[in-house]
Amino acid sequence: MNRPRLRLANQPLVDVLIIDDSEVAGEAMAEVLRAAGMSATAISSPIGATQATLRREAQLVIVDMNMPSLQGDKLVALLRGVDRLAEVKLVLASAEETPTLRRAAKAAGADGVYRKSDGPGALVALARNLLGRRPTSGVQRRDD
């Protein structure tokens, strides 16, 4: 069952796809983004991620780094290689940000890194920053 899509006031539709093998973590991130006025869906498997991204017309995809079936950086690289997803913003997420995570995100073509321990405010700020909504400070981007 799909939830109705929401629009931010006077702004185009924002749709976010979250891919996290932890259903609890994925749904928690989705709820935070929904509360911020975005349409967000969480899936717990990277299998079918390309089709899910295309079907939802997602503008932002948040991918957990540590998934048993496929590491997040490998999935980000696969998504980045799909011509029809060239404009989609991709974020690599993990419980801890390490230099290795940042290097992996950069090598895979991710647009940003989200450290889950930074909390919901950081997630919303990162999403808005990457999607061109209200500039925020303290957001880590790929080109930092």
Protein backbone atom coordinates (compact mmCIF):
# COMPACT_ATOMS: atom_id res chain seq x y z
CA MET A 1 0.00 0.00 0.00
CA ASN A 2 1.47 3.35 -1.03
CA ARG A 3 0.99 6.39 1.16
CA PRO A 4 -0.20 9.56 -0.57
CA ARG A 5 2.68 11.74 -1.66
CA LEU A 6 3.10 15.06 0.09
CA ARG A 7 4.40 18.32 -1.26
CA LEU A 8 6.46 20.84 0.61
CA ALA A 9 4.77 24.23 0.57
CA ASN A 10 5.27 25.91 -2.81
CA GLN A 11 7.85 23.30 -3.82
CA PRO A 12 7.84 20.28 -6.12
CA LEU A 13 7.10 16.80 -4.86
CA VAL A 14 9.92 15.17 -2.87
CA ASP A 15 10.15 11.39 -2.84
CA VAL A 16 12.76 9.50 -0.82
CA LEU A 17 13.60 5.80 -0.92
CA ILE A 18 15.46 4.26 2.02
CA ILE A 19 17.23 0.93 1.64
CA ASP A 20 18.25 -0.58 4.97
CA ASP A 21 18.33 -4.25 5.95
CA SER A 22 17.04 -3.23 9.39
CA GLU A 23 13.32 -2.70 8.90
CA VAL A 24 13.17 -0.77 12.18
CA ALA A 25 15.97 1.63 11.19
CA GLY A 26 14.63 2.10 7.67
CA GLU A 27 11.09 2.81 8.83
CA ALA A 28 12.37 5.18 11.54
CA MET A 29 14.21 7.24 8.91
CA ALA A 30 11.12 7.19 6.67
CA GLU A 31 8.91 8.46 9.52
CA VAL A 32 11.32 11.32 10.24
CA LEU A 33 11.26 12.39 6.59
CA ARG A 34 7.47 12.06 6.39
CA ALA A 35 7.16 14.29 9.46
CA ALA A 36 9.29 16.84 7.57
CA GLY A 37 6.79 16.82 4.68
CA MET A 38 8.45 14.37 2.32
CA SER A 39 7.11 11.15 0.87
CA ALA A 40 9.40 8.36 2.08
CA THR A 41 9.38 4.60 1.69
CA ALA A 42 11.72 2.09 3.30
CA ILE A 43 12.63 -1.27 1.80
CA SER A 44 14.74 -3.85 3.59
CA SER A 45 16.56 -5.45 0.68
CA PRO A 46 18.83 -4.07 -2.02
CA ILE A 47 17.35 -6.61 -4.44
CA GLY A 48 15.16 -4.67 -6.85
CA ALA A 49 16.47 -1.29 -5.68
CA THR A 50 16.91 0.03 -9.21
CA GLN A 51 13.33 -0.81 -10.16
CA ALA A 52 12.00 0.57 -6.87
CA THR A 53 13.88 3.84 -7.44
CA LEU A 54 12.57 4.15 -10.99
CA ARG A 55 9.01 3.14 -10.07
CA ARG A 56 8.80 5.66 -7.21
CA GLU A 57 10.61 8.34 -9.22
CA ALA A 58 12.70 8.92 -6.11
CA GLN A 59 14.76 12.08 -5.98
CA LEU A 60 16.83 10.90 -3.02
CA VAL A 61 17.93 7.38 -2.12
CA ILE A 62 19.47 6.66 1.28
CA VAL A 63 21.41 3.38 1.38
CA ASP A 64 22.67 1.60 4.50
CA MET A 65 26.36 0.76 4.21
CA ASN A 66 26.34 -2.56 6.04
CA MET A 67 23.83 -4.92 4.47
CA PRO A 68 24.49 -8.66 4.35
CA SER A 69 23.46 -9.27 0.75
CA LEU A 70 25.19 -6.27 -0.84
CA GLN A 71 27.36 -3.58 0.71
CA GLY A 72 25.81 -0.12 0.43
CA ASP A 73 28.71 1.40 -1.47
CA LYS A 74 28.37 -1.30 -4.14
CA LEU A 75 24.64 -0.56 -4.45
CA VAL A 76 25.29 3.18 -4.69
CA ALA A 77 27.81 2.53 -7.47
CA LEU A 78 25.25 0.36 -9.31
CA LEU A 79 22.55 3.02 -8.99
CA ARG A 80 24.98 5.75 -10.05
CA GLY A 81 25.69 3.77 -13.22
CA VAL A 82 22.04 3.80 -14.37
CA ASP A 83 21.57 6.63 -16.87
CA ARG A 84 17.91 7.17 -15.90
CA LEU A 85 19.00 7.78 -12.29
CA ALA A 86 21.72 10.32 -13.07
CA GLU A 87 19.87 13.15 -11.30
CA VAL A 88 18.94 11.12 -8.21
CA LYS A 89 20.82 12.13 -5.05
CA LEU A 90 22.44 9.16 -3.31
CA VAL A 91 23.42 9.01 0.36
CA LEU A 92 25.40 6.31 2.13
CA ALA A 93 24.25 5.81 5.74
CA SER A 94 25.92 4.06 8.65
CA ALA A 95 25.80 3.96 12.43
CA GLU A 96 29.34 5.33 12.54
CA GLU A 97 31.09 7.63 10.14
CA THR A 98 34.66 6.62 9.55
CA PRO A 99 37.26 7.79 7.07
CA THR A 100 36.71 4.47 5.31
CA LEU A 101 32.98 5.19 4.95
CA ARG A 102 33.64 8.64 3.50
CA ARG A 103 36.17 7.23 1.03
CA ALA A 104 33.76 4.46 0.02
CA ALA A 105 30.95 6.99 -0.47
CA LYS A 106 33.13 9.21 -2.62
CA ALA A 107 34.42 6.29 -4.70
CA ALA A 108 30.87 5.00 -5.25
CA GLY A 109 29.59 8.40 -6.39
CA ALA A 110 27.42 9.17 -3.35
CA ASP A 111 26.30 12.76 -2.87
CA GLY A 112 26.50 12.59 0.91
CA VAL A 113 27.02 10.55 4.06
CA TYR A 114 24.55 10.25 6.93
CA ARG A 115 25.75 9.07 10.31
CA LYS A 116 22.66 7.57 11.97
CA SER A 117 23.89 8.55 15.42
CA ASP A 118 23.57 12.23 14.40
CA GLY A 119 19.83 11.88 14.79
CA PRO A 120 16.70 12.93 12.93
CA GLY A 121 17.51 16.62 12.60
CA ALA A 122 20.69 15.83 10.70
CA LEU A 123 18.79 13.49 8.38
CA VAL A 124 16.21 16.14 7.51
CA ALA A 125 18.92 18.79 7.07
CA LEU A 126 20.92 16.55 4.76
CA ALA A 127 17.86 15.66 2.67
CA ARG A 128 16.83 19.30 2.34
CA ASN A 129 20.37 20.39 1.52
CA LEU A 130 20.81 17.78 -1.21
CA LEU A 131 17.40 18.53 -2.66
CA GLY A 132 17.94 22.28 -2.65
CA ARG A 133 15.53 23.03 0.18
CA ARG A 134 16.40 25.69 2.75
CA PRO A 135 20.17 25.87 3.11
CA THR A 136 21.52 24.34 6.30
CA SER A 137 24.83 24.37 8.07
CA GLY A 138 26.90 21.45 9.28
CA VAL A 139 25.80 19.06 6.55
CA GLN A 140 28.49 16.82 5.12
CA ARG A 141 28.52 16.62 1.35
CA ARG A 142 30.61 14.60 -1.05
CA ASP A 143 32.59 17.63 -2.23
CA ASP A 144 33.58 18.75 1.30
